[in-house]
Protein backbone atom coordinates (compact mmCIF):
# COMPACT_ATOMS: atom_id res chain seq x y z
CA MET A 1 -3.26 1.55 -33.11
CA ARG A 2 -0.34 3.93 -33.12
CA SER A 3 2.76 3.96 -30.99
CA ARG A 4 5.05 6.84 -30.15
CA ASP A 5 7.34 8.03 -27.39
CA VAL A 6 5.96 10.87 -25.27
CA PRO A 7 7.93 11.23 -22.00
CA GLY A 8 5.95 12.49 -19.05
CA LEU A 9 2.54 12.35 -20.72
CA PHE A 10 0.82 10.27 -18.06
CA SER A 11 1.98 11.55 -14.70
CA LEU A 12 1.94 8.72 -12.18
CA ALA A 13 4.09 10.41 -9.58
CA LEU A 14 1.41 9.34 -7.11
CA VAL A 15 2.69 5.76 -7.34
CA PRO A 16 6.20 4.35 -7.90
CA LEU A 17 6.94 3.83 -11.60
CA ALA A 18 7.96 0.30 -10.71
CA LEU A 19 4.25 -0.42 -10.27
CA LEU A 20 3.47 0.21 -13.92
CA GLY A 21 2.41 -2.84 -15.91
CA VAL A 22 3.29 -3.52 -19.53
CA LEU A 23 0.18 -3.38 -21.68
CA LEU A 24 -1.16 -4.32 -25.12
CA SER A 25 -4.46 -2.80 -26.21
CA ASP A 26 -6.97 -1.88 -28.87
CA SER A 27 -10.14 0.21 -28.69
CA VAL A 28 -13.60 -0.29 -30.07
CA SER A 29 -15.22 3.12 -29.64
CA ALA A 30 -12.30 5.54 -29.75
CA GLU A 31 -8.90 6.06 -31.33
CA THR A 32 -6.26 4.42 -29.16
CA GLU A 33 -2.49 4.63 -29.16
CA THR A 34 0.37 3.43 -27.02
CA ARG A 35 2.58 6.09 -25.47
CA TRP A 36 5.80 5.33 -23.69
CA VAL A 37 6.59 6.82 -20.29
CA ASN A 38 10.02 6.00 -18.88
CA GLY A 39 10.11 2.85 -20.95
CA ARG A 40 6.60 1.80 -19.93
CA ALA A 41 3.59 1.45 -22.22
CA VAL A 42 0.49 3.51 -21.36
CA LEU A 43 -2.70 3.30 -23.41
CA VAL A 44 -4.27 6.57 -24.49
CA SER A 45 -7.76 6.69 -26.02
CA SER A 46 -9.29 9.87 -27.47
CA ALA A 47 -12.84 10.72 -28.56
CA GLY A 48 -15.16 13.72 -28.45
CA GLY A 49 -12.53 16.05 -27.05
CA LEU A 50 -11.74 13.73 -24.14
CA ARG A 51 -8.52 11.80 -23.62
CA VAL A 52 -8.28 8.84 -21.26
CA SER A 53 -5.04 7.08 -20.31
CA ALA A 54 -5.04 3.69 -18.60
CA VAL A 55 -2.42 1.36 -17.13
CA LEU A 56 -2.64 -1.66 -14.84
CA LEU A 57 -0.52 -1.35 -11.71
CA LYS A 58 1.24 -3.82 -9.53
CA PRO A 59 -0.25 -4.21 -6.03
CA GLY A 60 0.41 -1.45 -3.52
CA GLN A 61 2.10 -1.63 -0.15
CA CYS A 62 -0.97 -2.00 2.00
CA GLU A 63 -1.54 -5.60 3.11
CA SER A 64 -5.32 -5.28 2.91
CA THR A 65 -5.26 -4.32 -0.78
CA LEU A 66 -2.45 -6.55 -2.07
CA SER A 67 -5.01 -8.85 -3.70
CA ASP A 68 -6.71 -6.03 -5.63
CA LEU A 69 -6.41 -5.39 -9.34
CA GLN A 70 -5.44 -1.73 -9.61
CA LEU A 71 -5.96 0.59 -12.56
CA GLY A 72 -4.18 3.91 -12.97
CA VAL A 73 -6.40 6.23 -15.00
CA GLU A 74 -6.09 9.82 -16.18
CA VAL A 75 -8.81 11.89 -17.85
CA VAL A 76 -8.06 15.07 -19.81
CA ASN A 77 -10.95 17.34 -20.79
CA GLU A 78 -10.22 19.18 -24.02
CA THR A 79 -13.87 20.13 -24.62
CA THR A 80 -15.53 23.46 -23.83
CA SER A 81 -17.81 22.02 -21.14
CA PRO A 82 -17.21 20.42 -17.72
CA VAL A 83 -17.43 16.62 -17.53
CA THR A 84 -17.93 14.40 -14.52
CA PHE A 85 -15.74 11.35 -13.97
CA TRP A 86 -17.36 8.54 -11.97
CA PRO A 87 -14.62 5.95 -11.20
CA GLU A 88 -17.13 3.51 -9.68
CA GLN A 89 -18.79 3.26 -13.11
CA ILE A 90 -15.65 1.79 -14.67
CA ALA A 91 -16.37 -1.80 -15.68
CA THR A 92 -13.68 -4.47 -15.79
CA THR A 93 -14.03 -8.00 -17.14
CA ALA A 94 -11.47 -10.75 -16.65
CA VAL A 95 -10.90 -12.87 -19.75
CA VAL A 96 -9.80 -16.43 -18.97
CA ARG A 97 -8.89 -18.58 -21.96
CA ARG A 98 -9.45 -22.33 -21.80
CA GLY A 99 -8.38 -24.23 -24.87
CA GLU A 100 -10.15 -22.75 -27.86
CA GLY A 101 -12.80 -21.02 -25.74
CA GLU A 102 -12.77 -18.27 -23.15
CA GLU A 103 -14.71 -17.23 -20.08
CA ARG A 104 -15.52 -13.59 -19.30
CA ILE A 105 -15.98 -12.75 -15.63
CA PRO A 106 -17.18 -9.29 -14.50
CA LEU A 107 -15.14 -7.93 -11.61
CA LYS A 108 -16.41 -5.87 -8.69
CA THR A 109 -15.33 -2.23 -8.73
CA TYR A 110 -14.43 -0.93 -5.27
CA THR A 111 -15.32 2.67 -4.43
CA ALA A 112 -12.67 4.86 -2.86
CA GLN A 113 -14.63 4.71 0.41
CA GLU A 114 -14.59 0.90 0.41
CA VAL A 115 -10.86 0.76 -0.21
CA GLU A 116 -10.21 3.44 2.40
CA LYS A 117 -12.23 1.51 4.96
CA ARG A 118 -10.16 -1.61 4.35
CA ILE A 119 -6.92 0.35 4.59
CA ARG A 120 -7.97 1.94 7.88
CA ARG A 121 -9.11 -1.42 9.25
CA TRP A 122 -5.65 -2.75 8.46
CA ASN A 123 -4.09 0.27 10.18
CA GLY A 124 -6.34 -0.17 13.21
CA LEU A 125 -5.34 -3.83 13.50
CA GLY A 126 -1.67 -2.83 13.50
CA ASN A 127 -2.29 -0.29 16.27
CA ALA A 128 -4.27 -2.83 18.31
CA LEU A 129 -1.46 -5.38 18.08
CA ASP A 130 1.05 -2.73 19.14
CA SER A 131 -1.12 -1.75 22.11
CA LEU A 132 -1.48 -5.40 23.15
CA SER A 133 2.26 -5.86 22.93
CA ALA A 134 2.81 -2.81 25.10
CA ALA A 135 0.26 -3.99 27.67
CA LEU A 136 1.97 -7.37 27.99
CA ASP A 137 5.39 -5.77 28.40
CA ASP A 138 6.34 -5.73 32.10
CA GLY A 139 9.26 -3.42 31.53
CA PRO A 140 12.97 -4.09 32.05
CA GLU A 141 13.84 -7.60 33.13
CA PRO A 142 15.78 -8.15 36.37
CA LYS A 143 19.48 -8.60 35.74
CA GLN A 144 21.37 -11.56 37.13
CA SER A 145 25.11 -11.80 37.60
CA GLN A 146 27.42 -14.50 38.87
CA VAL A 147 29.66 -13.64 41.79
CA SER A 148 32.49 -15.61 43.39
CA GLY A 149 35.50 -14.97 45.58
CA THR A 150 37.30 -15.79 48.81
CA TYR A 151 36.89 -14.56 52.34
CA SER A 152 38.92 -14.62 55.55
CA GLU A 153 37.42 -13.86 58.93
CA ARG A 154 38.81 -14.01 62.49
CA ASN A 155 36.80 -15.91 65.03
CA TYR A 156 36.99 -13.68 68.06
CA ALA A 157 35.66 -16.43 70.33
CA ASN A 158 38.70 -18.65 69.94
CA GLY A 159 41.09 -16.41 67.99
CA ALA A 160 41.18 -18.71 64.95
CA ASN A 161 41.02 -17.50 61.35
CA VAL A 162 38.21 -18.80 59.14
CA ASN A 163 38.95 -18.94 55.40
CA GLY A 164 36.70 -20.00 52.54
CA ARG A 165 35.29 -19.40 49.08
CA TYR A 166 31.85 -18.31 47.92
CA ASN A 167 29.93 -18.23 44.65
CA GLY A 168 26.33 -17.51 43.69
CA THR A 169 23.91 -15.39 41.71
CA VAL A 170 22.98 -11.80 42.45
CA THR A 171 19.63 -10.50 41.09
CA THR A 172 19.34 -6.75 40.53
CA TYR A 173 15.81 -5.44 40.04
CA PRO A 174 15.23 -2.31 37.94
CA SER A 175 14.67 0.90 39.80
CA ASP A 176 11.58 3.06 39.37
CA ALA A 177 13.62 5.49 37.28
CA GLU A 178 14.78 2.70 34.95
CA LYS A 179 11.19 1.45 34.59
CA ALA A 180 9.97 4.94 33.72
CA GLU A 181 12.74 5.40 31.14
CA ALA A 182 11.95 2.05 29.51
CA LYS A 183 8.23 2.89 29.37
CA LYS A 184 8.96 6.25 27.75
CA GLU A 185 11.17 4.59 25.13
CA LYS A 186 8.43 2.03 24.39
CA ASP A 187 5.77 4.75 24.11
CA ASP A 188 7.98 6.76 21.76
CA GLN A 189 8.48 3.71 19.54
CA LEU A 190 4.72 3.04 19.43
CA ALA A 191 3.98 6.68 18.61
CA ALA A 192 6.54 6.65 15.79
CA ARG A 193 5.10 3.42 14.37
CA ARG A 194 1.54 4.75 14.53
CA ALA A 195 2.59 7.98 12.85
CA ASP A 196 4.31 5.97 10.10
CA LEU A 197 1.20 3.81 9.59
CA GLU A 198 -1.06 6.85 9.48
CA SER A 199 1.24 8.50 6.94
CA LYS A 200 1.04 5.41 4.71
CA VAL A 201 -2.74 5.28 5.07
CA ASN A 202 -3.04 8.94 4.08
CA ALA A 203 -0.72 8.43 1.12
CA LEU A 204 -2.72 5.42 -0.09
CA SER A 205 -6.01 7.26 0.37
CA ALA A 206 -4.75 10.33 -1.48
CA VAL A 207 -4.24 8.42 -4.75
CA LEU A 208 -7.67 6.75 -4.85
CA ALA A 209 -9.81 7.96 -7.73
CA ARG A 210 -13.00 9.72 -6.63
CA THR A 211 -15.92 11.36 -8.36
CA GLN A 212 -14.56 14.51 -9.97
CA THR A 213 -15.89 17.29 -12.18
CA ILE A 214 -13.19 18.16 -14.70
CA GLU A 215 -13.33 21.68 -16.10
CA PRO A 216 -12.42 22.47 -19.74
CA GLY A 217 -8.66 22.23 -20.14
CA GLY A 218 -8.35 20.34 -16.86
CA SER A 219 -7.31 16.81 -16.00
CA TYR A 220 -7.66 14.33 -13.17
CA HIS A 221 -5.92 11.08 -12.29
CA GLY A 222 -6.15 8.40 -9.63
CA ILE A 223 -6.23 4.67 -8.93
CA VAL A 224 -9.31 2.45 -9.13
CA HIS A 225 -9.39 -0.90 -7.33
CA PHE A 226 -11.13 -4.04 -8.59
CA LYS A 227 -11.58 -7.51 -7.17
CA LYS A 228 -8.66 -9.48 -8.51
CA LYS A 229 -9.14 -12.49 -10.75
CA LYS A 230 -6.24 -14.21 -12.47
CA ALA A 231 -6.80 -13.80 -16.20
CA ASP A 232 -5.11 -13.69 -19.57
CA GLU A 233 -6.30 -10.14 -20.16
CA TYR A 234 -8.71 -7.56 -18.78
CA LEU A 235 -11.33 -5.59 -20.68
CA VAL A 236 -11.82 -2.16 -19.15
CA THR A 237 -14.55 0.32 -20.10
CA VAL A 238 -14.32 3.90 -18.83
CA PRO A 239 -17.60 5.79 -19.43
CA ILE A 240 -17.41 9.59 -19.45
CA GLY A 241 -20.39 11.60 -20.62
CA LYS A 242 -21.58 10.16 -23.93
CA GLU A 243 -18.26 8.44 -24.62
CA ALA A 244 -17.10 4.95 -23.67
CA PHE A 245 -13.37 4.32 -23.72
CA GLU A 246 -12.47 0.65 -24.01
CA PHE A 247 -9.13 -0.98 -23.34
CA LYS A 248 -7.69 -4.49 -23.51
CA LEU A 249 -5.03 -4.71 -20.82
CA SER A 250 -2.59 -7.50 -20.16
CA PRO A 251 -1.88 -8.43 -16.50
CA PRO A 252 0.75 -6.26 -14.80
CA GLN A 253 4.19 -7.82 -14.68
CA ARG A 254 5.33 -9.21 -11.33
């Protein structure tokens, strides 16, 4: 296994670089090397005119996918023929060491559609909670103020002056205009929150790896989600055409 510094080789602008995990790897069926991108180790395996880069990522920002194991993968086609990349065919095995032995546990690979459905379910739940909150909101609360003072009145029946003090609470109820203004402000806040959630959903969906035909000289990258299992390392096999690219990946750093 070779190691060299190649800035910008594996473009992961689709996710923050802080999500990159630190990896150690070897390959069985192809030549593998470690390349460094902004101080991070990315594994690159080459065979048959194809080049595959792989890196484990820290969890994303979506609550529904925080428990997923996430793999950033890039495929470069340097052959003279198109190749098809099927991310759902990527196989990942969790290796758990116990004493002198180890257990190997196959992990479920989530399709982009499955992940997208979970993300949108999470988004829909957020919108539903917002709508419920808005429905339970009765608008501006009545305002109460304390008043006190003195008074002096003339009793016209007997000509005597009547003096005294008063104190109490005055309740001022919101006007229709104030209620309408408060409702508009609430609706604007809900619309802004929903737009922000939808933007995040779209951003998360955009980086999911999907089935892709890669033309000669072309490349493709995305993120593949797996069911998470705490392990000492993960064995990942990326099949493309007649080639199988194998990686040993350490867990992403927290």
